[in-house]
Amino acid sequence: MNGPEVPATRKPGKPMRPAIATVCSLNALLGTILEDYAAGHCSAVDLWLGHAESFLETSSPDALRERFARHGIAPVAASFQGGLLTSQGEARREHWQLFERRLPLLATLGIPVLVLAGDAHGPLGPQDLSRLSMSLLEAAKRAADHGIRLALEFDARAAFPNNLQTAVAVVEDVGHPSLGICLDWFHYTVGPSKPLDLWLLSAANLFHVQLSDLADTPREMASDADRILPGEGSSPPDDLVRRLTEIGYEGAVAVELMNPQLWRVPPRQFGEIATTALRRLLGQAEA
């Protein structure tokens, strides 16, 4: 990619969908999370697959679907599937088998987007990069068979891709309509992505957004434990929100915090605080 071309913008139709990732309450049971988030006026979640699989140890997919409906919460995305890109041998077989088991579950639950971890850690050679591209294409085809779109999340700590520009180029090179981008603001902020890269986003290639802010710590030293509510730290996602508005993004924007300190906050309290903060950021605060 020789340099970003500015995609055409359009006026938004329906508004972005505010959501909370259930991983924000990692230590709570999924049933409790859904009940308490609903009490805090959250109507959509990014479902942590560990939560779902724990729930399904004693219940059926239909029971989980009914639980979402009972609380008026839509599962707008699921996070995350790892290990598909450059793994080999037995580990690769296990990751792909898990992926195959998850796809019909997501279809049953009506979850339209699965976040795919960009977990290709180095060093990587030409054969690894070829395997990565082929894996993305195959994964997108299998997901499409179940009516699911894959959102590739670049990881600032990975060898490839570790920034938005490269992630967009990889998705364009694969060229499958069921493969797009998940933009995690944390990885955008702490990695080598640049402000100009936001112009590469379009309503066509952006499938999911995960938001957090960064506590007062050097970006080079930041970890997931430094994620805080968007708008409360040193890296507010205002530029991203403006870009989402410009391209008419109509997908979900989820607060995603993997902060052990915040895991101790009761889900009901967290759900209300996070929903309020996110709606304010998106210009959807209730009068």
Protein backbone atom coordinates (compact mmCIF):
# COMPACT_ATOMS: atom_id res chain seq x y z
CA MET A 1 0.00 0.00 0.00
CA ASN A 2 1.70 3.17 -1.17
CA GLY A 3 -0.34 5.52 0.99
CA PRO A 4 -3.87 5.81 2.21
CA GLU A 5 -6.51 7.02 -0.17
CA VAL A 6 -9.31 8.91 1.52
CA PRO A 7 -12.53 6.93 1.04
CA ALA A 8 -15.69 8.75 0.17
CA THR A 9 -17.76 9.69 3.20
CA ARG A 10 -21.49 9.56 3.61
CA LYS A 11 -24.04 10.73 6.09
CA PRO A 12 -24.90 8.15 8.71
CA GLY A 13 -28.19 6.26 8.55
CA LYS A 14 -29.02 4.54 11.80
CA PRO A 15 -26.76 5.37 14.77
CA MET A 16 -23.86 3.28 16.05
CA ARG A 17 -24.86 0.56 18.51
CA PRO A 18 -23.35 1.08 21.99
CA ALA A 19 -22.37 -2.19 23.68
CA ILE A 20 -20.34 -3.56 26.56
CA ALA A 21 -17.95 -6.50 26.29
CA THR A 22 -18.82 -9.07 28.94
CA VAL A 23 -15.08 -9.55 29.56
CA CYS A 24 -15.33 -6.26 31.49
CA SER A 25 -16.95 -8.39 34.21
CA LEU A 26 -14.77 -11.45 33.68
CA ASN A 27 -15.17 -12.88 37.19
CA ALA A 28 -19.00 -12.83 37.15
CA LEU A 29 -21.32 -15.48 35.74
CA LEU A 30 -22.90 -14.72 32.38
CA GLY A 31 -26.44 -14.93 33.73
CA THR A 32 -25.62 -12.32 36.36
CA ILE A 33 -23.87 -10.11 33.83
CA LEU A 34 -26.86 -10.05 31.47
CA GLU A 35 -29.33 -9.30 34.26
CA ASP A 36 -27.18 -6.57 35.77
CA TYR A 37 -26.14 -4.96 32.49
CA ALA A 38 -29.79 -4.80 31.46
CA ALA A 39 -30.57 -3.06 34.75
CA GLY A 40 -27.91 -0.51 33.81
CA HIS A 41 -29.66 0.19 30.46
CA CYS A 42 -27.22 -1.80 28.34
CA SER A 43 -29.00 -3.32 25.34
CA ALA A 44 -26.08 -4.97 23.50
CA VAL A 45 -22.99 -6.96 24.41
CA ASP A 46 -19.78 -8.21 22.88
CA LEU A 47 -19.93 -11.77 24.24
CA TRP A 48 -16.74 -13.20 25.75
CA LEU A 49 -16.74 -16.78 24.47
CA GLY A 50 -15.34 -18.08 27.73
CA HIS A 51 -18.50 -16.81 29.43
CA ALA A 52 -20.72 -18.51 26.85
CA GLU A 53 -18.91 -21.82 27.05
CA SER A 54 -19.08 -21.84 30.86
CA PHE A 55 -22.83 -21.18 30.67
CA LEU A 56 -23.28 -24.00 28.19
CA GLU A 57 -21.66 -26.53 30.51
CA THR A 58 -25.03 -26.76 32.29
CA SER A 59 -27.48 -25.23 29.77
CA SER A 60 -28.34 -25.40 26.09
CA PRO A 61 -27.74 -22.83 23.33
CA ASP A 62 -31.51 -22.31 23.18
CA ALA A 63 -31.53 -21.50 26.90
CA LEU A 64 -28.77 -18.94 26.36
CA ARG A 65 -30.65 -17.40 23.46
CA GLU A 66 -33.74 -17.17 25.65
CA ARG A 67 -31.69 -15.49 28.38
CA PHE A 68 -30.59 -12.76 25.97
CA ALA A 69 -34.18 -12.23 24.84
CA ARG A 70 -35.49 -12.13 28.41
CA HIS A 71 -33.16 -9.27 29.31
CA GLY A 72 -33.59 -7.40 26.03
CA ILE A 73 -29.89 -7.66 25.21
CA ALA A 74 -28.55 -8.36 21.72
CA PRO A 75 -25.23 -10.22 21.36
CA VAL A 76 -23.77 -8.07 18.58
CA ALA A 77 -20.34 -9.70 18.48
CA ALA A 78 -18.32 -12.49 20.07
CA SER A 79 -14.69 -12.33 21.21
CA PHE A 80 -12.49 -13.99 20.33
CA GLN A 81 -11.15 -16.79 18.17
CA GLY A 82 -7.41 -17.26 18.28
CA GLY A 83 -4.81 -19.61 16.88
CA LEU A 84 -6.03 -19.83 13.29
CA LEU A 85 -3.42 -17.78 11.47
CA THR A 86 0.07 -19.29 11.70
CA SER A 87 -0.18 -22.16 14.19
CA GLN A 88 0.96 -25.59 13.03
CA GLY A 89 0.60 -29.26 13.89
CA GLU A 90 -1.67 -30.43 16.70
CA ALA A 91 -2.19 -26.91 18.01
CA ARG A 92 -3.52 -25.83 14.62
CA ARG A 93 -5.93 -28.77 14.45
CA GLU A 94 -7.28 -27.97 17.91
CA HIS A 95 -7.82 -24.28 17.14
CA TRP A 96 -9.62 -25.02 13.89
CA GLN A 97 -11.78 -27.69 15.51
CA LEU A 98 -12.80 -25.19 18.20
CA PHE A 99 -13.58 -22.63 15.49
CA GLU A 100 -15.79 -25.17 13.70
CA ARG A 101 -17.69 -25.90 16.92
CA ARG A 102 -18.22 -22.23 17.65
CA LEU A 103 -19.66 -21.21 14.28
CA PRO A 104 -23.00 -23.07 14.60
CA LEU A 105 -23.29 -21.83 18.20
CA LEU A 106 -22.90 -18.22 17.08
CA ALA A 107 -25.43 -18.80 14.31
CA THR A 108 -27.91 -20.21 16.84
CA LEU A 109 -27.42 -17.20 19.10
CA GLY A 110 -27.77 -14.78 16.18
CA ILE A 111 -24.31 -13.29 16.67
CA PRO A 112 -23.29 -11.64 13.38
CA VAL A 113 -19.59 -10.92 14.03
CA LEU A 114 -16.75 -13.01 15.45
CA VAL A 115 -13.56 -11.20 16.42
CA LEU A 116 -10.51 -13.01 15.06
CA ALA A 117 -7.28 -12.48 16.97
CA GLY A 118 -4.33 -11.27 14.92
CA ASP A 119 -2.03 -13.41 17.03
CA ALA A 120 0.79 -14.07 14.57
CA HIS A 121 3.86 -13.59 16.74
CA GLY A 122 7.32 -13.59 15.26
CA PRO A 123 9.67 -14.12 13.82
CA LEU A 124 7.72 -14.82 10.66
CA GLY A 125 8.98 -15.88 7.28
CA PRO A 126 7.42 -15.86 3.80
CA GLN A 127 5.85 -19.27 4.40
CA ASP A 128 4.19 -17.99 7.58
CA LEU A 129 2.76 -14.96 5.77
CA SER A 130 1.39 -17.19 3.02
CA ARG A 131 -0.16 -19.47 5.64
CA LEU A 132 -1.72 -16.44 7.33
CA SER A 133 -3.40 -15.25 4.13
CA MET A 134 -4.68 -18.71 3.25
CA SER A 135 -5.97 -19.18 6.79
CA LEU A 136 -7.88 -15.91 6.69
CA LEU A 137 -9.50 -16.83 3.39
CA GLU A 138 -10.48 -20.30 4.59
CA ALA A 139 -11.80 -18.97 7.90
CA ALA A 140 -13.86 -16.30 6.12
CA LYS A 141 -15.39 -18.91 3.80
CA ARG A 142 -16.35 -21.20 6.69
CA ALA A 143 -17.80 -18.30 8.68
CA ALA A 144 -19.80 -17.14 5.67
CA ASP A 145 -21.39 -20.58 5.43
CA HIS A 146 -22.97 -19.85 8.83
CA GLY A 147 -23.90 -16.25 8.03
CA ILE A 148 -21.12 -14.84 10.23
CA ARG A 149 -18.55 -12.17 9.45
CA LEU A 150 -14.99 -12.27 10.80
CA ALA A 151 -13.42 -9.10 12.18
CA LEU A 152 -9.62 -9.28 12.22
CA GLU A 153 -8.22 -7.52 15.28
CA PHE A 154 -4.64 -6.38 14.79
CA ASP A 155 -2.49 -6.70 17.91
CA ALA A 156 0.12 -4.05 18.67
CA ARG A 157 2.32 -6.78 20.21
CA ALA A 158 2.12 -9.14 17.24
CA ALA A 159 4.67 -9.48 14.48
CA PHE A 160 2.09 -9.10 11.69
CA PRO A 161 -0.22 -7.27 11.43
CA ASN A 162 0.37 -4.90 14.33
CA ASN A 163 -1.17 -1.71 12.94
CA LEU A 164 -4.30 -0.53 11.20
CA GLN A 165 -2.73 0.19 7.81
CA THR A 166 -1.30 -3.31 7.47
CA ALA A 167 -4.48 -4.94 8.75
CA VAL A 168 -6.53 -3.12 6.12
CA ALA A 169 -4.04 -4.16 3.43
CA VAL A 170 -4.22 -7.81 4.54
CA VAL A 171 -8.03 -7.78 4.47
CA GLU A 172 -8.04 -6.16 1.03
CA ASP A 173 -5.53 -8.72 -0.26
CA VAL A 174 -7.66 -11.65 0.95
CA GLY A 175 -10.65 -10.00 -0.68
CA HIS A 176 -13.50 -11.96 0.92
CA PRO A 177 -16.68 -10.02 1.80
CA SER A 178 -17.02 -11.83 5.14
CA LEU A 179 -13.61 -10.61 6.34
CA GLY A 180 -13.18 -7.12 7.76
CA ILE A 181 -11.55 -5.17 10.57
CA CYS A 182 -12.06 -5.03 14.30
CA LEU A 183 -10.49 -1.82 15.54
CA ASP A 184 -9.47 -2.09 19.19
CA TRP A 185 -8.57 1.45 20.25
CA PHE A 186 -6.05 0.15 22.79
CA HIS A 187 -4.00 -1.61 20.12
CA TYR A 188 -4.31 1.38 17.81
CA THR A 189 -3.05 3.68 20.56
CA VAL A 190 -0.11 1.69 21.93
CA GLY A 191 1.14 0.32 18.59
CA PRO A 192 2.65 1.82 15.43
CA SER A 193 -0.67 2.91 13.88
CA LYS A 194 -0.82 6.55 12.78
CA PRO A 195 -3.67 9.10 12.84
CA LEU A 196 -3.78 9.13 9.04
CA ASP A 197 -4.59 5.40 9.09
CA LEU A 198 -8.11 6.19 10.30
CA TRP A 199 -8.86 7.40 6.77
CA LEU A 200 -8.49 3.80 5.59
CA LEU A 201 -11.63 2.84 7.49
CA SER A 202 -14.88 2.58 5.60
CA ALA A 203 -18.38 1.36 6.30
CA ALA A 204 -17.52 -1.64 4.11
CA ASN A 205 -14.32 -2.83 5.82
CA LEU A 206 -15.04 -1.98 9.47
CA PHE A 207 -17.03 -4.76 11.16
CA HIS A 208 -16.57 -4.02 14.88
CA VAL A 209 -15.07 -1.45 17.28
CA GLN A 210 -13.78 -1.95 20.82
CA LEU A 211 -13.09 1.10 22.96
CA SER A 212 -11.06 1.84 26.04
CA ASP A 213 -8.89 4.66 27.24
CA LEU A 214 -5.38 4.49 28.62
CA ALA A 215 -4.40 5.20 32.20
CA ASP A 216 -1.55 7.63 32.83
CA THR A 217 1.28 5.35 31.75
CA PRO A 218 3.80 5.46 28.88
CA ARG A 219 2.35 3.76 25.81
CA GLU A 220 5.45 1.61 25.45
CA MET A 221 4.75 0.13 28.89
CA ALA A 222 0.96 -0.09 28.67
CA SER A 223 -0.77 -3.42 29.20
CA ASP A 224 -4.37 -4.57 29.22
CA ALA A 225 -4.43 -3.78 32.95
CA ASP A 226 -4.06 -0.09 32.05
CA ARG A 227 -7.35 0.00 30.11
CA ILE A 228 -9.94 2.34 31.63
CA LEU A 229 -13.29 3.73 30.53
CA PRO A 230 -13.16 5.70 27.26
CA GLY A 231 -12.87 9.43 27.79
CA GLU A 232 -11.27 9.14 31.24
CA GLY A 233 -7.58 8.79 30.34
CA SER A 234 -4.73 9.99 28.18
CA SER A 235 -5.97 8.54 24.87
CA PRO A 236 -9.60 9.53 24.37
CA PRO A 237 -11.01 8.07 21.12
CA ASP A 238 -12.52 11.33 19.89
CA ASP A 239 -10.76 11.16 16.50
CA LEU A 240 -12.06 7.66 15.94
CA VAL A 241 -15.63 8.60 16.83
CA ARG A 242 -15.48 11.49 14.36
CA ARG A 243 -14.25 9.12 11.67
CA LEU A 244 -17.01 6.62 12.44
CA THR A 245 -19.55 9.39 11.99
CA GLU A 246 -17.97 10.48 8.71
CA ILE A 247 -18.16 7.02 7.16
CA GLY A 248 -21.66 6.36 8.43
CA TYR A 249 -20.62 3.39 10.55
CA GLU A 250 -23.74 1.59 11.77
CA GLY A 251 -22.15 -1.32 13.64
CA ALA A 252 -21.46 -1.89 17.29
CA VAL A 253 -19.04 0.08 19.46
CA ALA A 254 -18.21 -1.90 22.58
CA VAL A 255 -16.44 -0.86 25.76
CA GLU A 256 -13.77 -3.53 26.31
CA LEU A 257 -11.68 -3.41 29.49
CA MET A 258 -9.46 -6.27 30.60
CA ASN A 259 -8.48 -4.57 33.82
CA PRO A 260 -8.33 -6.83 36.92
CA GLN A 261 -9.16 -3.91 39.18
CA LEU A 262 -12.37 -3.19 37.27
CA TRP A 263 -13.32 -6.87 37.31
CA ARG A 264 -14.05 -6.38 41.02
CA VAL A 265 -16.70 -3.74 40.29
CA PRO A 266 -20.20 -5.30 40.53
CA PRO A 267 -21.65 -5.82 37.02
CA ARG A 268 -24.74 -3.75 37.78
CA GLN A 269 -22.66 -0.74 38.78
CA PHE A 270 -20.19 -1.21 35.93
CA GLY A 271 -22.93 -1.65 33.33
CA GLU A 272 -24.59 1.60 34.24
CA ILE A 273 -21.36 3.60 34.40
CA ALA A 274 -19.96 2.16 31.16
CA THR A 275 -23.21 2.61 29.22
CA THR A 276 -23.49 6.22 30.35
CA ALA A 277 -19.86 6.98 29.44
CA LEU A 278 -20.16 5.33 26.02
CA ARG A 279 -23.43 7.05 25.10
CA ARG A 280 -21.93 10.38 26.07
CA LEU A 281 -18.89 9.72 23.88
CA LEU A 282 -21.07 8.72 20.92
CA GLY A 283 -23.34 11.74 21.34
CA GLN A 284 -26.26 9.53 22.37
CA ALA A 285 -26.62 10.69 25.98
CA GLU A 286 -30.20 10.70 27.16
CA ALA A 287 -31.69 14.12 27.82
